[in-house]
């Protein structure tokens, strides 16, 4: 078994990798869909609004909220994996 310091370092490395991946997804959705691919997405309409406009105004916020829940789930699994789970 790893000692306490090695365990903590491995835990934080995995945590930071999760953060990097989730933030990259959010960046891709908010910047990519709202700016780069706006013209292509504007060919599709949702509720009467062009999809590119929707992503720029609200879509990235919804994706961010979903990513928060994904992060919570990933961190709960990570806590169990490294023995940091809450035993209440």
N, C-alpha and C. Protein backbone atom coordinates (compact mmCIF):
# COMPACT_ATOMS: atom_id res chain seq x y z
N UNK A 1 0.84 -1.19 0.00
CA UNK A 1 0.00 0.00 0.00
C UNK A 1 0.88 1.25 0.00
N UNK A 2 0.42 2.25 -0.70
CA UNK A 2 1.16 3.51 -0.78
C UNK A 2 1.13 4.21 0.57
N UNK A 3 2.18 4.99 0.83
CA UNK A 3 2.12 5.77 2.06
C UNK A 3 1.18 6.95 1.87
N UNK A 4 0.93 7.67 2.96
CA UNK A 4 -0.09 8.72 2.95
C UNK A 4 0.23 9.85 1.95
N UNK A 5 1.49 10.26 1.86
CA UNK A 5 1.86 11.34 0.95
C UNK A 5 1.72 10.92 -0.51
N UNK A 6 2.14 9.71 -0.84
CA UNK A 6 2.01 9.23 -2.22
C UNK A 6 0.55 9.11 -2.60
N UNK A 7 -0.26 8.66 -1.66
CA UNK A 7 -1.69 8.53 -1.89
C UNK A 7 -2.32 9.91 -2.16
N UNK A 8 -1.94 10.91 -1.38
CA UNK A 8 -2.47 12.26 -1.56
C UNK A 8 -2.04 12.86 -2.90
N UNK A 9 -0.79 12.64 -3.29
CA UNK A 9 -0.30 13.16 -4.56
C UNK A 9 -1.05 12.51 -5.73
N UNK A 10 -1.24 11.20 -5.67
CA UNK A 10 -1.97 10.50 -6.73
C UNK A 10 -3.42 10.97 -6.80
N UNK A 11 -4.01 11.20 -5.64
CA UNK A 11 -5.39 11.70 -5.58
C UNK A 11 -5.51 13.05 -6.28
N UNK A 12 -4.60 13.99 -5.96
CA UNK A 12 -4.68 15.32 -6.54
C UNK A 12 -4.32 15.34 -8.02
N UNK A 13 -3.43 14.46 -8.43
CA UNK A 13 -3.13 14.38 -9.87
C UNK A 13 -4.36 13.95 -10.65
N UNK A 14 -5.06 12.96 -10.13
CA UNK A 14 -6.26 12.49 -10.81
C UNK A 14 -7.36 13.55 -10.76
N UNK A 15 -7.48 14.24 -9.63
CA UNK A 15 -8.45 15.32 -9.49
C UNK A 15 -8.16 16.42 -10.51
N UNK A 16 -6.92 16.83 -10.65
CA UNK A 16 -6.56 17.87 -11.62
C UNK A 16 -6.78 17.43 -13.06
N UNK A 17 -6.59 16.14 -13.33
CA UNK A 17 -6.86 15.65 -14.69
C UNK A 17 -8.36 15.72 -14.98
N UNK A 18 -9.20 15.38 -13.99
CA UNK A 18 -10.64 15.51 -14.16
C UNK A 18 -11.01 16.97 -14.43
N UNK A 19 -10.44 17.88 -13.64
CA UNK A 19 -10.73 19.30 -13.83
C UNK A 19 -10.33 19.78 -15.22
N UNK A 20 -9.15 19.38 -15.66
CA UNK A 20 -8.67 19.80 -16.98
C UNK A 20 -9.60 19.30 -18.09
N UNK A 21 -10.03 18.06 -18.00
CA UNK A 21 -10.91 17.49 -19.02
C UNK A 21 -12.26 18.20 -19.02
N UNK A 22 -12.84 18.39 -17.84
CA UNK A 22 -14.16 19.02 -17.76
C UNK A 22 -14.12 20.48 -18.19
N UNK A 23 -13.06 21.19 -17.83
CA UNK A 23 -12.94 22.58 -18.26
C UNK A 23 -12.69 22.68 -19.76
N UNK A 24 -11.98 21.71 -20.32
CA UNK A 24 -11.77 21.69 -21.77
C UNK A 24 -13.10 21.47 -22.50
N UNK A 25 -13.94 20.60 -21.94
CA UNK A 25 -15.26 20.38 -22.53
C UNK A 25 -16.08 21.67 -22.48
N UNK A 26 -16.07 22.33 -21.32
CA UNK A 26 -16.83 23.56 -21.18
C UNK A 26 -16.31 24.64 -22.13
N UNK A 27 -15.00 24.75 -22.24
CA UNK A 27 -14.40 25.71 -23.16
C UNK A 27 -14.83 25.40 -24.60
N UNK A 28 -14.76 24.11 -24.95
CA UNK A 28 -15.14 23.71 -26.31
C UNK A 28 -16.58 24.05 -26.62
N UNK A 29 -17.45 23.84 -25.65
CA UNK A 29 -18.87 24.12 -25.87
C UNK A 29 -19.13 25.63 -25.90
N UNK A 30 -18.60 26.34 -24.93
CA UNK A 30 -18.91 27.77 -24.85
C UNK A 30 -18.20 28.58 -25.93
N UNK A 31 -16.93 28.32 -26.14
CA UNK A 31 -16.18 29.09 -27.12
C UNK A 31 -16.37 28.52 -28.52
N UNK A 32 -16.29 27.21 -28.64
CA UNK A 32 -16.41 26.57 -29.95
C UNK A 32 -17.80 26.69 -30.54
N UNK A 33 -18.80 26.23 -29.77
CA UNK A 33 -20.17 26.25 -30.30
C UNK A 33 -20.72 27.67 -30.37
N UNK A 34 -20.33 28.53 -29.45
CA UNK A 34 -20.85 29.88 -29.43
C UNK A 34 -20.16 30.83 -30.40
N UNK A 35 -18.92 30.52 -30.79
CA UNK A 35 -18.17 31.44 -31.64
C UNK A 35 -17.68 30.76 -32.92
N UNK A 36 -16.86 29.72 -32.79
CA UNK A 36 -16.25 29.09 -33.97
C UNK A 36 -17.26 28.43 -34.90
N UNK A 37 -18.17 27.65 -34.35
CA UNK A 37 -19.11 26.88 -35.16
C UNK A 37 -20.49 27.53 -35.22
N UNK A 38 -20.56 28.79 -34.85
CA UNK A 38 -21.84 29.50 -34.79
C UNK A 38 -22.58 29.47 -36.12
N UNK A 39 -21.87 29.74 -37.19
CA UNK A 39 -22.52 29.81 -38.50
C UNK A 39 -23.10 28.45 -38.91
N UNK A 40 -22.36 27.39 -38.67
CA UNK A 40 -22.85 26.06 -39.00
C UNK A 40 -24.04 25.67 -38.11
N UNK A 41 -23.95 26.02 -36.83
CA UNK A 41 -25.03 25.69 -35.91
C UNK A 41 -26.28 26.52 -36.13
N UNK A 42 -26.13 27.70 -36.73
CA UNK A 42 -27.28 28.56 -36.97
C UNK A 42 -28.24 27.99 -38.01
N UNK A 43 -27.85 26.94 -38.71
CA UNK A 43 -28.75 26.28 -39.65
C UNK A 43 -29.82 25.47 -38.93
N UNK A 44 -29.62 25.19 -37.65
CA UNK A 44 -30.58 24.44 -36.83
C UNK A 44 -31.25 25.42 -35.88
N UNK A 45 -32.56 25.25 -35.69
CA UNK A 45 -33.28 26.14 -34.78
C UNK A 45 -33.87 25.34 -33.62
N UNK A 46 -33.83 25.94 -32.44
CA UNK A 46 -34.44 25.38 -31.24
C UNK A 46 -35.37 26.44 -30.67
N UNK A 47 -36.65 26.14 -30.60
CA UNK A 47 -37.62 27.09 -30.06
C UNK A 47 -37.66 28.40 -30.82
N UNK A 48 -37.38 28.35 -32.10
CA UNK A 48 -37.40 29.55 -32.91
C UNK A 48 -36.10 30.33 -32.93
N UNK A 49 -35.13 29.90 -32.13
CA UNK A 49 -33.84 30.57 -32.08
C UNK A 49 -32.78 29.74 -32.77
N UNK A 50 -31.84 30.39 -33.40
CA UNK A 50 -30.74 29.68 -34.06
C UNK A 50 -29.88 29.01 -33.00
N UNK A 51 -29.42 27.79 -33.31
CA UNK A 51 -28.68 26.99 -32.33
C UNK A 51 -27.37 27.66 -31.91
N UNK A 52 -26.68 28.33 -32.82
CA UNK A 52 -25.45 29.04 -32.47
C UNK A 52 -25.71 30.14 -31.45
N UNK A 53 -26.78 30.88 -31.66
CA UNK A 53 -27.18 31.92 -30.71
C UNK A 53 -27.54 31.30 -29.37
N UNK A 54 -28.27 30.18 -29.38
CA UNK A 54 -28.68 29.52 -28.16
C UNK A 54 -27.47 29.07 -27.35
N UNK A 55 -26.48 28.45 -28.01
CA UNK A 55 -25.27 28.03 -27.29
C UNK A 55 -24.52 29.22 -26.71
N UNK A 56 -24.45 30.29 -27.46
CA UNK A 56 -23.73 31.47 -26.98
C UNK A 56 -24.43 32.09 -25.77
N UNK A 57 -25.76 32.04 -25.74
CA UNK A 57 -26.51 32.70 -24.67
C UNK A 57 -26.82 31.78 -23.49
N UNK A 58 -27.19 30.53 -23.75
CA UNK A 58 -27.63 29.67 -22.66
C UNK A 58 -27.02 28.28 -22.65
N UNK A 59 -26.67 27.77 -23.79
CA UNK A 59 -26.19 26.39 -23.87
C UNK A 59 -24.97 26.13 -23.03
N UNK A 60 -24.03 27.06 -23.04
CA UNK A 60 -22.81 26.84 -22.26
C UNK A 60 -23.10 26.85 -20.76
N UNK A 61 -24.10 27.59 -20.35
CA UNK A 61 -24.48 27.59 -18.93
C UNK A 61 -25.06 26.24 -18.54
N UNK A 62 -25.94 25.70 -19.38
CA UNK A 62 -26.51 24.38 -19.10
C UNK A 62 -25.43 23.30 -19.07
N UNK A 63 -24.51 23.37 -20.00
CA UNK A 63 -23.42 22.40 -20.03
C UNK A 63 -22.58 22.52 -18.77
N UNK A 64 -22.32 23.75 -18.31
CA UNK A 64 -21.56 23.95 -17.09
C UNK A 64 -22.25 23.31 -15.89
N UNK A 65 -23.56 23.48 -15.78
CA UNK A 65 -24.31 22.89 -14.67
C UNK A 65 -24.24 21.36 -14.73
N UNK A 66 -24.37 20.79 -15.92
CA UNK A 66 -24.26 19.33 -16.07
C UNK A 66 -22.85 18.87 -15.68
N UNK A 67 -21.84 19.63 -16.07
CA UNK A 67 -20.46 19.28 -15.73
C UNK A 67 -20.21 19.33 -14.23
N UNK A 68 -20.92 20.20 -13.52
CA UNK A 68 -20.81 20.22 -12.06
C UNK A 68 -21.28 18.89 -11.48
N UNK A 69 -22.40 18.38 -11.97
CA UNK A 69 -22.90 17.10 -11.48
C UNK A 69 -21.97 15.95 -11.87
N UNK A 70 -21.41 16.01 -13.05
CA UNK A 70 -20.44 15.00 -13.48
C UNK A 70 -19.22 15.03 -12.56
N UNK A 71 -18.75 16.23 -12.23
CA UNK A 71 -17.59 16.38 -11.35
C UNK A 71 -17.88 15.81 -9.96
N UNK A 72 -19.07 16.07 -9.44
CA UNK A 72 -19.45 15.53 -8.13
C UNK A 72 -19.42 14.01 -8.16
N UNK A 73 -19.96 13.43 -9.21
CA UNK A 73 -19.97 11.96 -9.32
C UNK A 73 -18.55 11.41 -9.43
N UNK A 74 -17.72 12.05 -10.27
CA UNK A 74 -16.33 11.60 -10.41
C UNK A 74 -15.57 11.73 -9.09
N UNK A 75 -15.80 12.80 -8.37
CA UNK A 75 -15.09 12.99 -7.10
C UNK A 75 -15.56 12.00 -6.05
N UNK A 76 -16.83 11.65 -6.04
CA UNK A 76 -17.30 10.63 -5.10
C UNK A 76 -16.63 9.29 -5.38
N UNK A 77 -16.50 8.94 -6.67
CA UNK A 77 -15.82 7.70 -7.03
C UNK A 77 -14.34 7.77 -6.67
N UNK A 78 -13.73 8.93 -6.88
CA UNK A 78 -12.31 9.11 -6.56
C UNK A 78 -12.08 9.03 -5.06
N UNK A 79 -12.98 9.62 -4.28
CA UNK A 79 -12.87 9.55 -2.83
C UNK A 79 -12.92 8.11 -2.34
N UNK A 80 -13.83 7.32 -2.91
CA UNK A 80 -13.92 5.91 -2.53
C UNK A 80 -12.66 5.16 -2.93
N UNK A 81 -12.15 5.45 -4.13
CA UNK A 81 -10.96 4.77 -4.63
C UNK A 81 -9.75 5.01 -3.73
N UNK A 82 -9.62 6.22 -3.20
CA UNK A 82 -8.45 6.56 -2.39
C UNK A 82 -8.73 6.54 -0.88
N UNK A 83 -9.92 6.14 -0.49
CA UNK A 83 -10.24 5.99 0.93
C UNK A 83 -10.56 7.28 1.63
N UNK A 84 -11.05 8.29 0.92
CA UNK A 84 -11.41 9.57 1.53
C UNK A 84 -12.92 9.75 1.62
N UNK A 85 -13.70 8.69 1.44
CA UNK A 85 -15.15 8.86 1.43
C UNK A 85 -15.66 9.22 2.82
N UNK A 86 -16.80 9.90 2.81
CA UNK A 86 -17.47 10.32 4.05
C UNK A 86 -18.25 9.14 4.57
N UNK A 87 -18.07 8.80 5.83
CA UNK A 87 -18.72 7.62 6.41
C UNK A 87 -19.94 7.97 7.24
N UNK A 88 -20.57 9.12 7.01
CA UNK A 88 -21.76 9.50 7.77
C UNK A 88 -22.95 8.71 7.36
